[in-house]
Amino acid sequence: MPLLQEDPTGLSSPVGQVAMVAMLLVVVVVGLRFWWGNRRK
């Protein structure tokens, strides 16, 4: 993974930006589902 060594954050590359957005979406969806599940009880 030479790209990770050159750019630790990966934000300068389109792939890194897509990965960051995907991770944020997953975290939000999982958080909402967890919160919604607890709220129903």
Protein backbone atom coordinates (compact mmCIF):
# COMPACT_ATOMS: atom_id res chain seq x y z
CA MET A 1 0.00 0.00 0.00
CA PRO A 2 2.40 2.75 -1.16
CA LEU A 3 -0.43 5.31 -1.26
CA LEU A 4 -1.00 5.01 2.48
CA GLN A 5 2.70 5.66 3.14
CA GLU A 6 2.74 8.79 0.95
CA ASP A 7 -0.53 10.15 2.35
CA PRO A 8 -1.43 8.85 5.84
CA THR A 9 -4.90 10.43 5.78
CA GLY A 10 -5.72 9.45 2.18
CA LEU A 11 -7.84 12.58 1.83
CA SER A 12 -5.88 13.92 -1.15
CA SER A 13 -6.94 10.97 -3.33
CA PRO A 14 -10.48 10.46 -4.72
CA VAL A 15 -10.44 6.88 -3.45
CA GLY A 16 -9.64 8.13 0.05
CA GLN A 17 -12.48 10.65 -0.09
CA VAL A 18 -14.94 7.98 -1.25
CA ALA A 19 -13.75 5.65 1.52
CA MET A 20 -14.18 8.40 4.13
CA VAL A 21 -17.71 9.21 2.92
CA ALA A 22 -18.62 5.52 2.85
CA MET A 23 -17.31 5.02 6.39
CA LEU A 24 -19.23 8.06 7.64
CA LEU A 25 -22.44 6.81 6.01
CA VAL A 26 -21.98 3.36 7.55
CA VAL A 27 -21.38 4.86 11.00
CA VAL A 28 -24.48 7.07 10.70
CA VAL A 29 -26.69 4.22 9.46
CA VAL A 30 -25.48 1.81 12.15
CA GLY A 31 -25.88 4.51 14.81
CA LEU A 32 -29.42 5.33 13.68
CA ARG A 33 -30.42 1.66 13.57
CA PHE A 34 -28.97 1.07 17.04
CA TRP A 35 -30.71 4.18 18.43
CA TRP A 36 -34.00 3.31 16.68
CA GLY A 37 -33.86 -0.27 18.03
CA ASN A 38 -33.33 0.95 21.59
CA ARG A 39 -36.07 3.54 21.21
CA ARG A 40 -38.66 0.95 20.15
CA LYS A 41 -38.16 -0.98 23.38
